[in-house]
């Protein structure tokens, strides 16, 4: 949407550098490459911005470099190619949640507010002076996908408002208090593992943070990996049973499972190698015997 916004503003985009789609990922975003091609903008796929690519960018003599959710840190020599500066749109309210996967980490940590930040790029990730920010509330109904879809239009608003100031050479600069912020790294597969000793809300937050189109929250059932794609909080607190113990079946095929504090309704699940569906149909009839079945 940010590239589209620049095109609608008549910005002369000299080139677009982007990633090739990963065939192992769920593709849910619109293709920036296709959009650029429709507007006769040259498109380049560069998984690593090395000296060869930096030299090529330099020949374009860019006034401004924008990074919109680009996956890799841009080297300082590339940033220096833009005479009016390089700017990044980050999916969090800096200086909080600098680094990778900010939308996911915001949900994992149960934040009630997040937003987007347009900032000057420097060598250190997400540490440059802030141009402007927009905030949005995080609801219990949000997943990483719905939250991302809240953030993208806010980013486009920032570009519409501040691109004219950037090209005029008078973009605002508000230094970050890095010490008061936080940094999170790339999420790893093991970060999606549920520990049923956690409180119900923490488990719920993990599930919604990594559900589709992300790899999913996982546990083990009978030696097979179990994916939990949708969950809700049944009871917020209190001891109801051993963590992982199936407590009851609910309407609509939901299964109530004890957490370290409270309990979780497992709504949609999938056993590795099987199909996704309602928890009751996926997990089977033997679950309602009161034993600890999910690890």
Protein backbone atom coordinates (compact mmCIF):
# COMPACT_ATOMS: atom_id res chain seq x y z
CA UNK A 1 0.00 0.00 0.00
CA UNK A 2 2.92 2.38 0.67
CA UNK A 3 4.36 1.85 -2.82
CA UNK A 4 0.89 2.39 -4.25
CA UNK A 5 0.59 5.60 -2.22
CA UNK A 6 3.86 6.94 -3.65
CA UNK A 7 2.72 6.11 -7.18
CA UNK A 8 -0.61 7.90 -6.65
CA UNK A 9 1.32 10.94 -5.40
CA UNK A 10 3.33 10.96 -8.61
CA UNK A 11 6.63 10.14 -6.94
CA UNK A 12 9.22 9.15 -9.55
CA UNK A 13 10.20 5.66 -8.36
CA UNK A 14 13.49 4.70 -10.01
CA UNK A 15 13.45 1.04 -8.94
CA UNK A 16 11.92 -1.47 -6.56
CA UNK A 17 14.04 -4.00 -4.66
CA UNK A 18 12.06 -6.82 -3.12
CA UNK A 19 12.14 -10.49 -2.07
CA UNK A 20 10.95 -13.43 -4.09
CA UNK A 21 7.95 -15.16 -2.56
CA UNK A 22 8.88 -18.21 -0.49
CA UNK A 23 6.90 -21.23 -1.76
CA UNK A 24 6.81 -22.58 1.81
CA UNK A 25 5.02 -19.47 3.14
CA UNK A 26 1.32 -18.71 2.99
CA UNK A 27 1.13 -15.82 0.51
CA UNK A 28 -1.45 -13.31 1.73
CA UNK A 29 0.02 -9.99 0.59
CA UNK A 30 -0.37 -8.19 -2.70
CA UNK A 31 2.69 -8.35 -4.91
CA UNK A 32 4.71 -5.11 -4.90
CA UNK A 33 6.62 -6.47 -7.88
CA UNK A 34 3.44 -6.83 -9.95
CA UNK A 35 2.31 -3.35 -8.95
CA UNK A 36 5.66 -1.87 -9.93
CA UNK A 37 5.71 -3.63 -13.28
CA UNK A 38 2.24 -2.30 -14.09
CA UNK A 39 3.68 1.20 -13.64
CA UNK A 40 6.87 0.48 -15.62
CA UNK A 41 9.05 0.57 -12.50
CA UNK A 42 12.13 -1.69 -12.80
CA UNK A 43 12.02 -4.57 -10.28
CA UNK A 44 15.06 -6.30 -8.78
CA UNK A 45 15.19 -9.34 -6.51
CA UNK A 46 18.14 -9.07 -4.17
CA UNK A 47 18.30 -11.40 -1.19
CA UNK A 48 21.48 -9.69 -0.07
CA UNK A 49 22.45 -6.09 -0.79
CA UNK A 50 26.15 -6.50 -1.58
CA UNK A 51 28.70 -4.15 -3.19
CA UNK A 52 27.44 -4.98 -6.66
CA UNK A 53 23.89 -3.93 -5.81
CA UNK A 54 25.05 -0.83 -3.93
CA UNK A 55 27.00 0.29 -7.02
CA UNK A 56 23.91 -0.24 -9.14
CA UNK A 57 21.74 1.81 -6.78
CA UNK A 58 24.35 4.58 -6.82
CA UNK A 59 24.03 4.87 -10.59
CA UNK A 60 20.32 5.60 -10.10
CA UNK A 61 21.26 8.69 -8.04
CA UNK A 62 18.29 8.29 -5.67
CA UNK A 63 17.03 11.28 -3.72
CA UNK A 64 15.29 9.08 -1.15
CA UNK A 65 15.40 5.40 -0.21
CA UNK A 66 12.34 3.89 1.48
CA UNK A 67 12.17 0.53 3.21
CA UNK A 68 8.67 -0.87 3.73
CA UNK A 69 8.84 -4.08 5.79
CA UNK A 70 11.98 -5.19 3.95
CA UNK A 71 13.36 -8.29 5.67
CA UNK A 72 17.05 -7.44 5.83
CA UNK A 73 19.05 -4.65 7.44
CA UNK A 74 20.32 -2.24 4.79
CA UNK A 75 24.07 -1.56 4.86
CA UNK A 76 25.26 1.99 5.68
CA UNK A 77 26.89 2.40 2.24
CA UNK A 78 23.50 1.88 0.63
CA UNK A 79 21.85 4.43 2.90
CA UNK A 80 24.51 6.97 1.92
CA UNK A 81 23.39 6.75 -1.73
CA UNK A 82 20.24 8.76 -0.99
CA UNK A 83 21.06 12.47 -0.85
CA UNK A 84 17.86 13.33 1.06
CA UNK A 85 18.10 10.35 3.40
CA UNK A 86 16.82 6.82 3.82
CA UNK A 87 13.60 6.08 5.71
CA UNK A 88 12.06 2.94 7.16
CA UNK A 89 8.47 2.15 8.08
CA UNK A 90 8.49 -0.03 11.19
CA UNK A 91 5.47 -1.94 12.50
CA UNK A 92 5.64 -0.81 16.13
CA UNK A 93 5.85 2.33 18.24
CA UNK A 94 9.60 2.84 18.49
CA UNK A 95 11.70 2.66 20.55
CA UNK A 96 9.63 -0.33 21.70
CA UNK A 97 9.80 -3.51 19.65
CA UNK A 98 12.83 -2.67 17.54
CA UNK A 99 14.03 -5.58 15.42
CA UNK A 100 12.19 -8.44 13.77
CA UNK A 101 8.61 -9.77 13.82
CA UNK A 102 7.29 -6.81 15.81
CA UNK A 103 3.63 -7.53 15.02
CA UNK A 104 3.97 -11.09 16.31
CA UNK A 105 5.90 -10.10 19.44
CA UNK A 106 3.35 -7.41 20.31
CA UNK A 107 0.64 -10.08 20.42
CA UNK A 108 2.79 -12.66 22.20
CA UNK A 109 3.39 -10.11 24.96
CA UNK A 110 -0.26 -9.12 25.22
CA UNK A 111 0.15 -5.43 24.39
CA UNK A 112 -3.02 -3.32 24.23
CA UNK A 113 -1.55 -0.75 21.83
CA UNK A 114 0.93 -0.68 18.99
CA UNK A 115 1.38 1.29 15.79
CA UNK A 116 3.74 2.28 13.01
CA UNK A 117 6.82 4.49 12.99
CA UNK A 118 8.42 6.29 10.06
CA UNK A 119 12.05 6.92 10.94
CA UNK A 120 15.42 7.88 9.52
CA UNK A 121 17.55 4.81 8.85
CA UNK A 122 20.98 4.40 10.42
CA UNK A 123 23.41 1.50 10.68
CA UNK A 124 21.73 0.16 13.83
CA UNK A 125 18.34 -1.53 13.33
CA UNK A 126 15.33 0.72 13.98
CA UNK A 127 17.44 3.22 15.94
CA UNK A 128 17.25 6.33 13.78
CA UNK A 129 15.42 9.55 14.60
CA UNK A 130 11.66 9.33 14.38
CA UNK A 131 9.78 11.28 11.70
CA UNK A 132 6.27 10.45 12.92
CA UNK A 133 4.11 7.71 14.43
CA UNK A 134 0.52 6.48 14.38
CA UNK A 135 -1.00 4.31 17.12
CA UNK A 136 -3.74 1.68 17.06
CA UNK A 137 -5.48 -0.39 19.74
CA UNK A 138 -4.90 -4.14 19.89
CA UNK A 139 -8.08 -6.15 20.52
CA UNK A 140 -8.46 -9.70 21.81
CA UNK A 141 -9.95 -10.54 18.41
CA UNK A 142 -6.72 -9.57 16.63
CA UNK A 143 -4.34 -12.06 15.09
CA UNK A 144 -1.01 -11.13 13.52
CA UNK A 145 -2.76 -10.87 10.15
CA UNK A 146 -5.62 -8.63 11.28
CA UNK A 147 -3.22 -6.44 13.24
CA UNK A 148 -0.91 -6.11 10.24
CA UNK A 149 -3.93 -5.05 8.17
CA UNK A 150 -4.64 -2.31 10.72
CA UNK A 151 -1.07 -1.06 10.50
CA UNK A 152 -0.62 -0.91 6.73
CA UNK A 153 -3.13 1.91 6.12
CA UNK A 154 -1.53 3.89 8.96
CA UNK A 155 1.83 3.53 7.25
CA UNK A 156 0.32 4.78 4.01
CA UNK A 157 -1.06 7.80 5.89
CA UNK A 158 2.42 8.62 7.16
CA UNK A 159 3.84 8.43 3.63
CA UNK A 160 1.10 10.70 2.24
CA UNK A 161 1.70 13.28 4.96
CA UNK A 162 5.48 13.23 5.27
CA UNK A 163 6.80 12.37 1.80
CA UNK A 164 6.44 16.02 0.69
CA UNK A 165 8.47 17.11 3.72
CA UNK A 166 11.10 14.47 3.05
CA UNK A 167 11.63 15.55 -0.56
CA UNK A 168 11.75 19.17 0.62
CA UNK A 169 14.60 18.20 2.93
CA UNK A 170 12.77 19.13 6.11
CA UNK A 171 11.57 15.86 7.56
CA UNK A 172 11.13 16.01 11.36
CA UNK A 173 13.74 14.36 13.58
CA UNK A 174 12.86 13.18 17.09
CA UNK A 175 15.72 11.22 18.70
CA UNK A 176 14.81 7.86 20.20
CA UNK A 177 15.47 6.95 23.81
CA UNK A 178 16.85 3.51 22.98
CA UNK A 179 17.41 2.62 26.65
CA UNK A 180 13.67 3.08 27.30
CA UNK A 181 12.75 0.79 24.40
CA UNK A 182 13.05 -2.90 23.64
CA UNK A 183 14.53 -5.14 20.98
CA UNK A 184 13.23 -8.50 19.71
CA UNK A 185 14.93 -10.84 17.29
CA UNK A 186 13.71 -13.18 14.60
CA UNK A 187 11.16 -15.70 15.82
CA UNK A 188 12.34 -19.32 15.74
CA UNK A 189 10.24 -22.50 15.35
CA UNK A 190 10.73 -23.33 19.05
CA UNK A 191 9.19 -19.96 19.96
CA UNK A 192 5.85 -21.39 18.82
CA UNK A 193 5.86 -24.23 21.37
CA UNK A 194 3.09 -23.98 23.99
CA UNK A 195 3.95 -24.64 27.62
CA UNK A 196 0.66 -25.59 29.25
CA UNK A 197 2.03 -24.46 32.62
CA UNK A 198 1.64 -20.89 31.36
CA UNK A 199 -1.47 -18.87 32.29
CA UNK A 200 -4.39 -19.18 29.89
CA UNK A 201 -3.93 -15.65 28.55
CA UNK A 202 -0.30 -16.25 27.65
CA UNK A 203 -1.25 -19.38 25.70
CA UNK A 204 -4.08 -17.54 23.97
CA UNK A 205 -1.73 -14.70 23.02
CA UNK A 206 0.80 -17.10 21.49
CA UNK A 207 -1.84 -18.88 19.42
CA UNK A 208 -3.19 -15.68 17.89
CA UNK A 209 0.31 -14.30 17.33
CA UNK A 210 1.44 -17.20 15.14
CA UNK A 211 -1.75 -18.55 13.57
CA UNK A 212 -2.24 -18.42 9.78
CA UNK A 213 -0.40 -17.21 7.77
CA UNK A 214 2.38 -17.95 10.27
CA UNK A 215 3.60 -21.47 11.23
CA UNK A 216 1.25 -21.96 14.19
CA UNK A 217 1.47 -22.67 17.93
CA UNK A 218 2.39 -26.27 18.68
CA UNK A 219 2.22 -28.99 21.31
CA UNK A 220 2.56 -32.78 21.27
CA UNK A 221 -0.17 -35.39 21.33
CA UNK A 222 0.63 -39.09 21.31
CA UNK A 223 4.06 -38.50 19.83
CA UNK A 224 2.71 -36.32 17.01
CA UNK A 225 3.07 -32.57 16.63
CA UNK A 226 -0.19 -30.76 17.30
CA UNK A 227 -0.91 -27.36 15.74
CA UNK A 228 -3.43 -25.12 17.48
CA UNK A 229 -4.73 -22.56 15.02
CA UNK A 230 -7.48 -20.90 17.04
CA UNK A 231 -8.11 -20.65 20.76
CA UNK A 232 -9.96 -18.58 23.33
CA UNK A 233 -9.74 -18.05 27.06
CA UNK A 234 -12.30 -20.19 28.89
CA UNK A 235 -11.29 -19.23 32.44
CA UNK A 236 -8.76 -16.47 33.15
CA UNK A 237 -7.31 -17.68 36.45
CA UNK A 238 -7.36 -20.36 39.13
CA UNK A 239 -6.25 -24.00 39.24
CA UNK A 240 -8.64 -26.22 37.27
CA UNK A 241 -6.50 -29.26 36.56
CA UNK A 242 -3.05 -30.41 35.60
CA UNK A 243 -1.67 -28.28 32.76
CA UNK A 244 -2.56 -29.96 29.46
CA UNK A 245 -5.44 -31.92 30.94
CA UNK A 246 -8.59 -32.05 28.83
CA UNK A 247 -11.40 -30.78 31.03
CA UNK A 248 -14.53 -30.75 28.87
CA UNK A 249 -16.06 -30.59 25.43
CA UNK A 250 -17.95 -27.43 24.50
CA UNK A 251 -20.44 -26.43 21.84
CA UNK A 252 -19.11 -26.17 18.34
CA UNK A 253 -16.46 -28.83 18.81
CA UNK A 254 -14.25 -26.83 21.19
CA UNK A 255 -12.11 -28.63 23.77
CA UNK A 256 -11.31 -27.03 27.14
CA UNK A 257 -7.75 -27.64 28.31
CA UNK A 258 -6.28 -26.73 31.70
CA UNK A 259 -3.49 -24.17 31.80
CA UNK A 260 -1.15 -23.25 34.64
CA UNK A 261 -3.75 -20.66 35.61
CA UNK A 262 -7.24 -20.90 34.14
CA UNK A 263 -8.11 -22.84 31.00
CA UNK A 264 -8.07 -22.50 27.23
CA UNK A 265 -10.71 -23.38 24.65
CA UNK A 266 -9.00 -25.05 21.70
CA UNK A 267 -11.23 -24.24 18.73
CA UNK A 268 -9.30 -25.32 15.64
CA UNK A 269 -6.39 -27.74 15.52
CA UNK A 270 -4.39 -30.01 13.25
CA UNK A 271 -2.22 -33.06 13.79
CA UNK A 272 0.98 -33.10 11.75
CA UNK A 273 0.23 -34.75 8.43
CA UNK A 274 -3.52 -34.38 8.92
CA UNK A 275 -6.18 -31.85 8.05
CA UNK A 276 -7.15 -28.78 10.03
CA UNK A 277 -10.58 -28.75 11.61
CA UNK A 278 -12.64 -28.31 14.77
CA UNK A 279 -10.65 -29.44 17.78
CA UNK A 280 -13.07 -32.20 18.79
CA UNK A 281 -12.99 -33.84 15.36
CA UNK A 282 -9.22 -33.51 15.01
CA UNK A 283 -8.21 -34.68 18.47
CA UNK A 284 -10.55 -37.66 18.70
CA UNK A 285 -12.90 -39.33 21.15
CA UNK A 286 -10.27 -40.53 23.62
CA UNK A 287 -9.55 -37.01 24.83
CA UNK A 288 -12.45 -36.77 27.27
CA UNK A 289 -11.10 -39.22 29.81
CA UNK A 290 -9.54 -36.66 32.14
CA UNK A 291 -5.94 -37.63 31.42
CA UNK A 292 -3.09 -35.26 30.60
CA UNK A 293 -3.02 -35.62 26.83
CA UNK A 294 -1.41 -32.51 25.45
CA UNK A 295 2.22 -31.71 26.17
